[in-house]
Amino acid sequence: MSEENLSKEERILRMMRRVLTDIARETYTRPGLRHPLSETTLLNMRDCLALIAARERELAEAAGRPSRARPRYADEPRPTSVVVSLDTGAARRKDGPSEDG
């Protein structure tokens, strides 16, 4: 959905979510090293992101456009991608009866 079609509150929530996730990404620390943010700050960021997600879901449902957003793994295919099997014809000939007889 384009930014122009969102309410002011939805745009604010989207920007807050973007900033918080950018902070989390930019302050990522390898396992075993001390994180620059305190544990309290990290928990507060998680709580804020949960509240933002809940409110975004409420606003989307109230506007009649239920959210289909969900967390995704980085290597998970996008829903718009289409997987085409190139050997379906050969598999069909082996598995099923032939059209000739």
C-alpha atoms as a PDB file:
ATOM      1  CA  MET A   1       0.000   0.000   0.000  1.00  0.00           C
ATOM      2  CA  SER A   2       1.323   3.421  -0.878  1.00  0.00           C
ATOM      3  CA  GLU A   3       2.231   5.929   1.789  1.00  0.00           C
ATOM      4  CA  GLU A   4      -0.405   8.407   0.495  1.00  0.00           C
ATOM      5  CA  ASN A   5      -3.271   5.996   1.219  1.00  0.00           C
ATOM      6  CA  LEU A   6      -2.340   5.654   4.896  1.00  0.00           C
ATOM      7  CA  SER A   7      -3.674   7.790   7.728  1.00  0.00           C
ATOM      8  CA  LYS A   8      -1.307  10.062   9.630  1.00  0.00           C
ATOM      9  CA  GLU A   9      -1.290   7.602  12.541  1.00  0.00           C
ATOM     10  CA  GLU A  10      -0.418   4.718  10.219  1.00  0.00           C
ATOM     11  CA  ARG A  11       2.440   6.703   8.672  1.00  0.00           C
ATOM     12  CA  ILE A  12       3.765   7.571  12.154  1.00  0.00           C
ATOM     13  CA  LEU A  13       3.585   3.930  13.244  1.00  0.00           C
ATOM     14  CA  ARG A  14       5.315   2.756  10.066  1.00  0.00           C
ATOM     15  CA  MET A  15       8.135   5.266  10.566  1.00  0.00           C
ATOM     16  CA  MET A  16       8.525   4.348  14.245  1.00  0.00           C
ATOM     17  CA  ARG A  17       8.715   0.653  13.329  1.00  0.00           C
ATOM     18  CA  ARG A  18      11.277   1.409  10.626  1.00  0.00           C
ATOM     19  CA  VAL A  19      13.461   3.458  13.001  1.00  0.00           C
ATOM     20  CA  LEU A  20      13.345   0.852  15.776  1.00  0.00           C
ATOM     21  CA  THR A  21      14.221  -1.995  13.418  1.00  0.00           C
ATOM     22  CA  ASP A  22      17.041   0.091  11.885  1.00  0.00           C
ATOM     23  CA  ILE A  23      18.454   0.689  15.372  1.00  0.00           C
ATOM     24  CA  ALA A  24      18.238  -3.031  16.128  1.00  0.00           C
ATOM     25  CA  ARG A  25      19.943  -3.905  12.826  1.00  0.00           C
ATOM     26  CA  GLU A  26      22.690  -1.282  13.169  1.00  0.00           C
ATOM     27  CA  THR A  27      23.536  -2.202  16.763  1.00  0.00           C
ATOM     28  CA  TYR A  28      23.640  -5.961  16.105  1.00  0.00           C
ATOM     29  CA  THR A  29      26.435  -7.526  18.106  1.00  0.00           C
ATOM     30  CA  ARG A  30      27.978 -10.919  17.448  1.00  0.00           C
ATOM     31  CA  PRO A  31      27.254 -13.615  20.042  1.00  0.00           C
ATOM     32  CA  GLY A  32      29.644 -13.456  22.975  1.00  0.00           C
ATOM     33  CA  LEU A  33      30.187  -9.691  22.733  1.00  0.00           C
ATOM     34  CA  ARG A  34      28.480  -7.124  24.963  1.00  0.00           C
ATOM     35  CA  HIS A  35      25.593  -5.331  23.260  1.00  0.00           C
ATOM     36  CA  PRO A  36      25.857  -1.511  23.338  1.00  0.00           C
ATOM     37  CA  LEU A  37      22.209  -1.175  24.439  1.00  0.00           C
ATOM     38  CA  SER A  38      21.071  -2.223  27.894  1.00  0.00           C
ATOM     39  CA  GLU A  39      18.810  -5.227  28.381  1.00  0.00           C
ATOM     40  CA  THR A  40      16.059  -2.861  29.566  1.00  0.00           C
ATOM     41  CA  THR A  41      16.323  -0.806  26.369  1.00  0.00           C
ATOM     42  CA  LEU A  42      16.183  -3.955  24.227  1.00  0.00           C
ATOM     43  CA  LEU A  43      13.074  -5.166  26.074  1.00  0.00           C
ATOM     44  CA  ASN A  44      11.463  -1.744  25.702  1.00  0.00           C
ATOM     45  CA  MET A  45      12.177  -1.794  21.948  1.00  0.00           C
ATOM     46  CA  ARG A  46      10.554  -5.237  21.659  1.00  0.00           C
ATOM     47  CA  ASP A  47       7.518  -4.027  23.621  1.00  0.00           C
ATOM     48  CA  CYS A  48       7.214  -0.938  21.407  1.00  0.00           C
ATOM     49  CA  LEU A  49       7.419  -3.037  18.247  1.00  0.00           C
ATOM     50  CA  ALA A  50       4.728  -5.380  19.581  1.00  0.00           C
ATOM     51  CA  LEU A  51       2.437  -2.431  20.380  1.00  0.00           C
ATOM     52  CA  ILE A  52       3.085  -0.873  16.979  1.00  0.00           C
ATOM     53  CA  ALA A  53       2.258  -4.142  15.217  1.00  0.00           C
ATOM     54  CA  ALA A  54      -0.955  -4.564  17.221  1.00  0.00           C
ATOM     55  CA  ARG A  55      -2.107  -1.010  16.476  1.00  0.00           C
ATOM     56  CA  GLU A  56      -1.222  -1.311  12.773  1.00  0.00           C
ATOM     57  CA  ARG A  57      -3.301  -4.491  12.627  1.00  0.00           C
ATOM     58  CA  GLU A  58      -6.259  -2.748  14.342  1.00  0.00           C
ATOM     59  CA  LEU A  59      -6.105   0.222  11.972  1.00  0.00           C
ATOM     60  CA  ALA A  60      -5.844  -1.994   8.891  1.00  0.00           C
ATOM     61  CA  GLU A  61      -8.840  -4.088   9.962  1.00  0.00           C
ATOM     62  CA  ALA A  62     -10.874  -0.976  10.794  1.00  0.00           C
ATOM     63  CA  ALA A  63     -10.119   0.373   7.315  1.00  0.00           C
ATOM     64  CA  GLY A  64     -11.285  -2.887   5.744  1.00  0.00           C
ATOM     65  CA  ARG A  65      -7.887  -4.095   4.633  1.00  0.00           C
ATOM     66  CA  PRO A  66      -6.819  -6.935   6.890  1.00  0.00           C
ATOM     67  CA  SER A  67      -3.076  -7.308   7.105  1.00  0.00           C
ATOM     68  CA  ARG A  68      -1.495 -10.333   5.531  1.00  0.00           C
ATOM     69  CA  ALA A  69       1.913  -9.375   6.892  1.00  0.00           C
ATOM     70  CA  ARG A  70       3.837 -11.935   8.851  1.00  0.00           C
ATOM     71  CA  PRO A  71       7.465 -12.420   9.813  1.00  0.00           C
ATOM     72  CA  ARG A  72       9.594 -14.010   7.104  1.00  0.00           C
ATOM     73  CA  TYR A  73      12.960 -15.719   7.037  1.00  0.00           C
ATOM     74  CA  ALA A  74      15.521 -14.031   4.798  1.00  0.00           C
ATOM     75  CA  ASP A  75      15.764 -17.078   2.515  1.00  0.00           C
ATOM     76  CA  GLU A  76      11.989 -17.660   2.331  1.00  0.00           C
ATOM     77  CA  PRO A  77      10.553 -17.095  -1.161  1.00  0.00           C
ATOM     78  CA  ARG A  78       8.366 -14.041  -1.661  1.00  0.00           C
ATOM     79  CA  PRO A  79       4.649 -14.760  -2.129  1.00  0.00           C
ATOM     80  CA  THR A  80       4.712 -13.029  -5.518  1.00  0.00           C
ATOM     81  CA  SER A  81       7.292 -15.462  -6.854  1.00  0.00           C
ATOM     82  CA  VAL A  82       6.056 -18.338  -8.965  1.00  0.00           C
ATOM     83  CA  VAL A  83       7.828 -21.680  -9.034  1.00  0.00           C
ATOM     84  CA  VAL A  84       7.511 -23.499 -12.327  1.00  0.00           C
ATOM     85  CA  SER A  85       8.571 -27.111 -12.587  1.00  0.00           C
ATOM     86  CA  LEU A  86      10.208 -27.763 -15.934  1.00  0.00           C
ATOM     87  CA  ASP A  87       9.850 -31.545 -15.810  1.00  0.00           C
ATOM     88  CA  THR A  88       6.095 -31.853 -15.206  1.00  0.00           C
ATOM     89  CA  GLY A  89       5.484 -33.329 -18.639  1.00  0.00           C
ATOM     90  CA  ALA A  90       8.027 -36.097 -18.100  1.00  0.00           C
ATOM     91  CA  ALA A  91       6.642 -36.842 -14.641  1.00  0.00           C
ATOM     92  CA  ARG A  92       3.085 -36.960 -15.989  1.00  0.00           C
ATOM     93  CA  ARG A  93       4.061 -39.472 -18.672  1.00  0.00           C
ATOM     94  CA  LYS A  94       5.731 -41.746 -16.103  1.00  0.00           C
ATOM     95  CA  ASP A  95       3.027 -41.523 -13.431  1.00  0.00           C
ATOM     96  CA  GLY A  96      -0.192 -41.505 -15.374  1.00  0.00           C
ATOM     97  CA  PRO A  97      -1.651 -43.215 -18.403  1.00  0.00           C
ATOM     98  CA  SER A  98      -0.506 -41.943 -21.734  1.00  0.00           C
ATOM     99  CA  GLU A  99      -2.887 -40.064 -23.977  1.00  0.00           C
ATOM    100  CA  ASP A 100      -2.259 -42.586 -26.773  1.00  0.00           C
ATOM    101  CA  GLY A 101      -3.711 -45.554 -25.168  1.00  0.00           C
END
